[in-house]
């Protein structure tokens, strides 16, 4: 049984507290915990992790962790960072054929800045073009509730010139099943993300995707949901090339490898960036052992470089 939403929220708040962030940066054990889930601050760190997972027949999608942009210059930095990651992926022959993709969150594209959707679309086009040039694709990542419509709109606009562009849909969003059905009707690649308290919506949306021609990526680390996904795709004779399991870097790595060894596609979400505390809080809150992992870091106060 997964932790409750209240538990997850409490762990996330603890990890985000300034004294805890300072401790994780300053101690060897703290830095080790951060690196377990966030390989580093730079694109090269994420690409090195992508090489690691590729050795065990898993794919990757890279996502940059950053504060929402407050200026056009911040959006430009996002584009530059992803472009650097794509160049490194291509250099190491990881991008070809979509083996490693990039995921960008809608808020990172400047939706809240003057120019709103137009500015965000320009930024997204730049990223989609950079991805296409190295034979891979862009995914519009998990939107906040207020950004669901904008995220879908961005994907629809991009797919005119970049048909491999995908879009993420969280199972706890309102009308998730209807949103997935609309995307599937246009054969848009969908990343369906499991969420606390939304298992039924996840399974209903999964069945919609199975009955469509849309490529689907099923994002969950819950063993029960993984079993349900496996049973559904087997029962409907869905060919392995039509679906992908997606799990976060550092979470159930042995299970990821076992799934890949069975001949299924497994994609690993690999984050990088300086603003890792909120992401780490989510990862630790998703498992009952997360708080224990955090507590253990307080037994080691050795100093070293900031992660």
Protein backbone atom coordinates (compact mmCIF):
# COMPACT_ATOMS: atom_id res chain seq x y z
CA UNK A 1 0.00 0.00 0.00
CA UNK A 2 1.36 3.42 -0.99
CA UNK A 3 1.60 6.27 1.53
CA UNK A 4 -1.41 8.56 1.88
CA UNK A 5 -1.52 11.96 0.26
CA UNK A 6 -1.13 13.57 3.69
CA UNK A 7 2.03 11.56 4.33
CA UNK A 8 3.47 12.46 0.93
CA UNK A 9 2.72 16.13 1.48
CA UNK A 10 4.33 16.10 4.92
CA UNK A 11 7.53 14.50 3.61
CA UNK A 12 7.68 16.98 0.72
CA UNK A 13 7.36 19.93 3.13
CA UNK A 14 10.12 18.56 5.35
CA UNK A 15 12.51 18.11 2.44
CA UNK A 16 11.74 21.64 1.16
CA UNK A 17 12.59 23.25 4.52
CA UNK A 18 15.75 25.38 4.29
CA UNK A 19 17.61 23.63 7.15
CA UNK A 20 17.00 20.23 5.54
CA UNK A 21 18.10 21.45 2.09
CA UNK A 22 21.24 22.93 3.68
CA UNK A 23 21.94 19.62 5.41
CA UNK A 24 21.50 17.61 2.20
CA UNK A 25 23.90 19.94 0.41
CA UNK A 26 26.50 19.93 3.15
CA UNK A 27 26.82 16.26 4.13
CA UNK A 28 28.17 13.30 2.25
CA UNK A 29 25.14 11.18 3.13
CA UNK A 30 22.80 13.99 2.09
CA UNK A 31 24.51 14.45 -1.25
CA UNK A 32 24.36 10.71 -1.80
CA UNK A 33 20.60 10.70 -1.21
CA UNK A 34 20.10 13.54 -3.68
CA UNK A 35 22.24 11.81 -6.33
CA UNK A 36 20.19 8.64 -5.97
CA UNK A 37 17.22 10.48 -7.49
CA UNK A 38 18.83 13.49 -9.23
CA UNK A 39 22.16 12.61 -10.88
CA UNK A 40 23.48 16.17 -10.85
CA UNK A 41 23.15 19.84 -11.76
CA UNK A 42 24.29 19.71 -15.38
CA UNK A 43 23.09 18.15 -18.65
CA UNK A 44 26.21 15.99 -18.71
CA UNK A 45 25.18 14.42 -15.39
CA UNK A 46 21.79 13.43 -16.80
CA UNK A 47 23.36 12.05 -19.98
CA UNK A 48 25.79 9.97 -17.94
CA UNK A 49 22.79 8.50 -16.10
CA UNK A 50 21.10 7.85 -19.46
CA UNK A 51 24.18 5.88 -20.53
CA UNK A 52 23.93 3.89 -17.31
CA UNK A 53 20.30 2.87 -17.87
CA UNK A 54 20.92 2.15 -21.55
CA UNK A 55 23.46 -0.51 -20.58
CA UNK A 56 20.58 -2.47 -19.08
CA UNK A 57 18.30 -2.02 -22.12
CA UNK A 58 16.25 0.83 -20.70
CA UNK A 59 15.46 4.13 -22.40
CA UNK A 60 15.45 7.61 -20.87
CA UNK A 61 13.67 10.93 -20.89
CA UNK A 62 15.54 13.92 -19.52
CA UNK A 63 13.83 16.73 -17.61
CA UNK A 64 15.37 19.92 -16.24
CA UNK A 65 14.48 20.97 -12.70
CA UNK A 66 14.24 24.75 -12.46
CA UNK A 67 12.17 27.51 -10.93
CA UNK A 68 9.38 28.86 -13.18
CA UNK A 69 10.88 31.54 -15.44
CA UNK A 70 10.47 35.17 -14.46
CA UNK A 71 11.93 36.66 -17.63
CA UNK A 72 12.51 35.83 -21.31
CA UNK A 73 16.15 35.25 -20.40
CA UNK A 74 15.12 32.39 -18.11
CA UNK A 75 13.22 30.75 -20.97
CA UNK A 76 16.27 31.14 -23.20
CA UNK A 77 18.37 29.40 -20.54
CA UNK A 78 15.92 26.50 -20.55
CA UNK A 79 16.22 26.14 -24.32
CA UNK A 80 20.02 26.32 -24.12
CA UNK A 81 20.17 23.70 -21.37
CA UNK A 82 18.01 21.24 -23.30
CA UNK A 83 19.97 21.90 -26.50
CA UNK A 84 23.16 21.04 -24.64
CA UNK A 85 21.60 17.82 -23.33
CA UNK A 86 20.48 16.84 -26.84
CA UNK A 87 23.94 17.40 -28.27
CA UNK A 88 25.42 15.13 -25.63
CA UNK A 89 22.75 12.49 -26.20
CA UNK A 90 23.51 12.54 -29.93
CA UNK A 91 27.24 12.36 -29.30
CA UNK A 92 26.78 9.18 -27.27
CA UNK A 93 24.25 7.73 -29.77
CA UNK A 94 21.48 7.77 -27.19
CA UNK A 95 18.92 9.95 -28.97
CA UNK A 96 18.58 8.06 -32.26
CA UNK A 97 15.14 6.57 -32.79
CA UNK A 98 13.80 8.16 -29.60
CA UNK A 99 15.90 6.02 -27.29
CA UNK A 100 16.31 9.13 -25.14
CA UNK A 101 13.74 11.92 -25.33
CA UNK A 102 13.35 15.23 -23.52
CA UNK A 103 10.45 16.29 -21.33
CA UNK A 104 9.68 19.93 -20.58
CA UNK A 105 7.10 21.19 -18.12
CA UNK A 106 4.64 23.76 -19.55
CA UNK A 107 5.50 26.29 -16.85
CA UNK A 108 9.17 26.19 -17.92
CA UNK A 109 8.22 27.57 -21.35
CA UNK A 110 7.09 30.97 -20.09
CA UNK A 111 3.31 30.57 -20.02
CA UNK A 112 3.07 33.05 -17.14
CA UNK A 113 5.17 35.70 -18.89
CA UNK A 114 3.85 38.46 -21.18
CA UNK A 115 3.00 36.84 -24.46
CA UNK A 116 1.78 33.70 -22.69
CA UNK A 117 0.93 30.94 -25.10
CA UNK A 118 2.69 32.55 -28.05
CA UNK A 119 5.96 32.78 -26.17
CA UNK A 120 5.57 29.25 -24.83
CA UNK A 121 4.86 27.90 -28.31
CA UNK A 122 7.97 29.56 -29.73
CA UNK A 123 10.07 28.00 -26.98
CA UNK A 124 8.44 24.60 -27.45
CA UNK A 125 9.05 24.76 -31.22
CA UNK A 126 12.72 25.46 -30.62
CA UNK A 127 12.96 22.40 -28.37
CA UNK A 128 10.97 20.17 -30.74
CA UNK A 129 13.21 21.20 -33.64
CA UNK A 130 16.38 20.56 -31.64
CA UNK A 131 15.04 17.13 -30.68
CA UNK A 132 14.05 16.26 -34.25
CA UNK A 133 17.49 17.21 -35.52
CA UNK A 134 18.99 14.37 -33.45
CA UNK A 135 16.19 11.92 -34.30
CA UNK A 136 14.25 12.09 -31.08
CA UNK A 137 11.20 13.91 -29.73
CA UNK A 138 9.76 16.24 -27.12
CA UNK A 139 7.14 15.45 -24.49
CA UNK A 140 5.09 18.20 -22.88
CA UNK A 141 5.45 17.09 -19.28
CA UNK A 142 3.06 16.74 -16.36
CA UNK A 143 1.05 19.98 -16.27
CA UNK A 144 -0.39 21.63 -13.21
CA UNK A 145 -4.19 21.70 -13.13
CA UNK A 146 -4.33 25.26 -14.46
CA UNK A 147 -2.03 24.34 -17.37
CA UNK A 148 -3.77 21.23 -18.72
CA UNK A 149 -5.52 23.05 -21.57
CA UNK A 150 -2.37 24.97 -22.48
CA UNK A 151 -0.28 21.81 -22.43
CA UNK A 152 -2.67 20.04 -24.81
CA UNK A 153 -2.77 23.10 -27.06
CA UNK A 154 1.02 23.22 -27.24
CA UNK A 155 1.18 19.55 -28.21
CA UNK A 156 -1.50 19.99 -30.86
CA UNK A 157 0.32 22.93 -32.42
CA UNK A 158 3.67 21.17 -32.41
CA UNK A 159 2.33 17.96 -33.92
CA UNK A 160 1.63 19.75 -37.20
CA UNK A 161 5.38 19.84 -37.88
CA UNK A 162 6.61 17.41 -35.24
CA UNK A 163 4.12 14.50 -35.14
CA UNK A 164 6.14 12.54 -32.57
CA UNK A 165 5.49 15.21 -29.91
CA UNK A 166 3.86 13.65 -26.86
CA UNK A 167 1.84 15.01 -23.98
CA UNK A 168 1.54 13.90 -20.35
CA UNK A 169 -1.81 13.50 -18.60
CA UNK A 170 -2.14 12.98 -14.87
CA UNK A 171 -4.80 10.53 -13.77
CA UNK A 172 -6.01 12.84 -10.99
CA UNK A 173 -6.85 15.70 -13.33
CA UNK A 174 -10.53 16.49 -13.97
CA UNK A 175 -12.02 14.56 -16.89
CA UNK A 176 -8.80 12.61 -17.36
CA UNK A 177 -10.51 9.84 -19.32
CA UNK A 178 -12.12 12.32 -21.74
CA UNK A 179 -8.82 14.16 -22.22
CA UNK A 180 -7.04 10.89 -22.98
CA UNK A 181 -9.79 9.88 -25.41
CA UNK A 182 -9.45 13.17 -27.31
CA UNK A 183 -5.69 12.77 -27.56
CA UNK A 184 -5.95 9.14 -28.58
CA UNK A 185 -8.41 10.01 -31.34
CA UNK A 186 -5.66 12.06 -33.01
CA UNK A 187 -3.05 9.33 -32.32
CA UNK A 188 -1.08 11.70 -30.07
CA UNK A 189 1.56 9.86 -28.02
CA UNK A 190 0.26 9.94 -24.45
CA UNK A 191 2.17 9.62 -21.19
CA UNK A 192 -0.45 8.55 -18.64
CA UNK A 193 0.77 9.35 -15.12
CA UNK A 194 -0.62 7.55 -12.08
CA UNK A 195 -1.54 9.74 -9.12
CA UNK A 196 -2.52 9.27 -5.50
CA UNK A 197 -6.21 8.44 -5.16
CA UNK A 198 -6.78 8.15 -8.91
CA UNK A 199 -6.19 4.45 -9.59
CA UNK A 200 -9.60 3.94 -11.18
CA UNK A 201 -9.15 6.91 -13.50
CA UNK A 202 -5.73 5.56 -14.46
CA UNK A 203 -7.13 2.13 -15.34
CA UNK A 204 -10.10 3.57 -17.25
CA UNK A 205 -7.77 5.81 -19.22
CA UNK A 206 -5.43 2.88 -19.83
CA UNK A 207 -8.30 0.96 -21.42
CA UNK A 208 -9.08 3.93 -23.67
CA UNK A 209 -5.47 3.97 -24.87
CA UNK A 210 -5.42 0.22 -25.41
CA UNK A 211 -8.48 0.48 -27.66
CA UNK A 212 -6.89 3.27 -29.72
CA UNK A 213 -3.95 3.51 -32.10
CA UNK A 214 -2.13 6.01 -29.90
CA UNK A 215 1.39 5.19 -28.66
CA UNK A 216 1.21 5.03 -24.87
CA UNK A 217 3.64 5.42 -22.02
CA UNK A 218 2.35 4.27 -18.64
CA UNK A 219 4.01 6.07 -15.76
CA UNK A 220 3.75 4.36 -12.38
CA UNK A 221 6.04 2.76 -9.84
CA UNK A 222 3.16 1.14 -7.92
CA UNK A 223 3.64 -2.66 -8.22
CA UNK A 224 -0.12 -3.21 -8.10
CA UNK A 225 -0.76 -0.85 -11.00
CA UNK A 226 2.16 -2.34 -12.91
CA UNK A 227 0.51 -5.75 -12.56
CA UNK A 228 -2.80 -4.32 -13.78
CA UNK A 229 -1.13 -2.71 -16.79
CA UNK A 230 0.57 -6.00 -17.64
CA UNK A 231 -2.69 -7.92 -17.37
CA UNK A 232 -4.61 -5.42 -19.52
CA UNK A 233 -2.07 -5.24 -22.36
CA UNK A 234 -1.69 -9.02 -22.37
CA UNK A 235 -5.43 -9.57 -22.34
CA UNK A 236 -5.86 -7.25 -25.33
CA UNK A 237 -2.80 -8.60 -27.17
CA UNK A 238 -1.20 -5.16 -27.36
CA UNK A 239 2.15 -5.52 -29.18
CA UNK A 240 5.16 -4.54 -27.04
CA UNK A 241 6.21 -1.77 -29.43
CA UNK A 242 2.94 0.12 -28.72
CA UNK A 243 3.48 0.72 -25.03
CA UNK A 244 6.22 1.72 -22.64
CA UNK A 245 6.54 1.54 -18.87
CA UNK A 246 7.93 4.74 -17.31
CA UNK A 247 9.49 4.98 -13.86
CA UNK A 248 11.66 7.60 -12.12
CA UNK A 249 15.43 7.32 -11.88
CA UNK A 250 16.44 5.72 -8.59
CA UNK A 251 13.05 4.11 -7.95
CA UNK A 252 12.69 0.31 -8.06
CA UNK A 253 15.73 -0.04 -10.32
CA UNK A 254 15.78 -3.82 -9.99
CA UNK A 255 12.13 -4.00 -11.01
CA UNK A 256 12.87 -1.74 -13.99
CA UNK A 257 15.58 -4.10 -15.16
CA UNK A 258 13.36 -7.15 -14.72
CA UNK A 259 10.61 -5.56 -16.82
CA UNK A 260 13.13 -4.67 -19.53
CA UNK A 261 14.59 -8.19 -19.45
CA UNK A 262 11.10 -9.54 -20.24
CA UNK A 263 11.20 -7.66 -23.53
CA UNK A 264 9.13 -4.62 -22.54
CA UNK A 265 10.14 -1.04 -23.21
CA UNK A 266 11.09 0.79 -20.01
CA UNK A 267 11.75 4.52 -20.01
CA UNK A 268 13.45 6.16 -17.01
CA UNK A 269 12.76 9.78 -16.09
CA UNK A 270 16.17 11.36 -15.41
CA UNK A 271 16.10 14.86 -13.90
CA UNK A 272 18.94 17.32 -13.59
CA UNK A 273 19.28 20.83 -12.19
CA UNK A 274 19.92 22.93 -9.12
CA UNK A 275 16.29 23.12 -7.95
CA UNK A 276 15.95 19.52 -6.84
CA UNK A 277 14.34 19.82 -3.40
CA UNK A 278 10.66 19.75 -4.47
CA UNK A 279 11.31 16.82 -6.80
CA UNK A 280 13.23 14.92 -4.13
CA UNK A 281 10.41 15.51 -1.66
CA UNK A 282 7.92 13.92 -4.08
CA UNK A 283 10.14 10.91 -4.64
CA UNK A 284 10.76 10.31 -0.92
CA UNK A 285 7.09 10.81 -0.07
CA UNK A 286 5.98 8.13 -2.50
CA UNK A 287 7.37 5.31 -0.35
CA UNK A 288 7.12 4.60 3.36
CA UNK A 289 10.89 4.15 3.47
CA UNK A 290 11.50 7.65 2.11
CA UNK A 291 11.39 9.36 5.51
CA UNK A 292 13.80 6.74 6.87
CA UNK A 293 16.20 7.38 3.99
CA UNK A 294 16.12 11.07 4.85
CA UNK A 295 16.56 10.46 8.59
CA UNK A 296 19.64 8.31 8.00
CA UNK A 297 21.45 11.20 6.32
CA UNK A 298 21.51 13.06 9.64
CA UNK A 299 24.04 10.60 11.04
CA UNK A 300 26.72 11.91 8.66
CA UNK A 301 27.72 15.56 8.63
CA UNK A 302 30.84 15.37 6.49
CA UNK A 303 31.28 18.51 4.37
CA UNK A 304 31.81 18.62 0.63
CA UNK A 305 30.74 20.38 -2.58
CA UNK A 306 27.14 21.41 -3.12
CA UNK A 307 25.13 18.97 -5.29
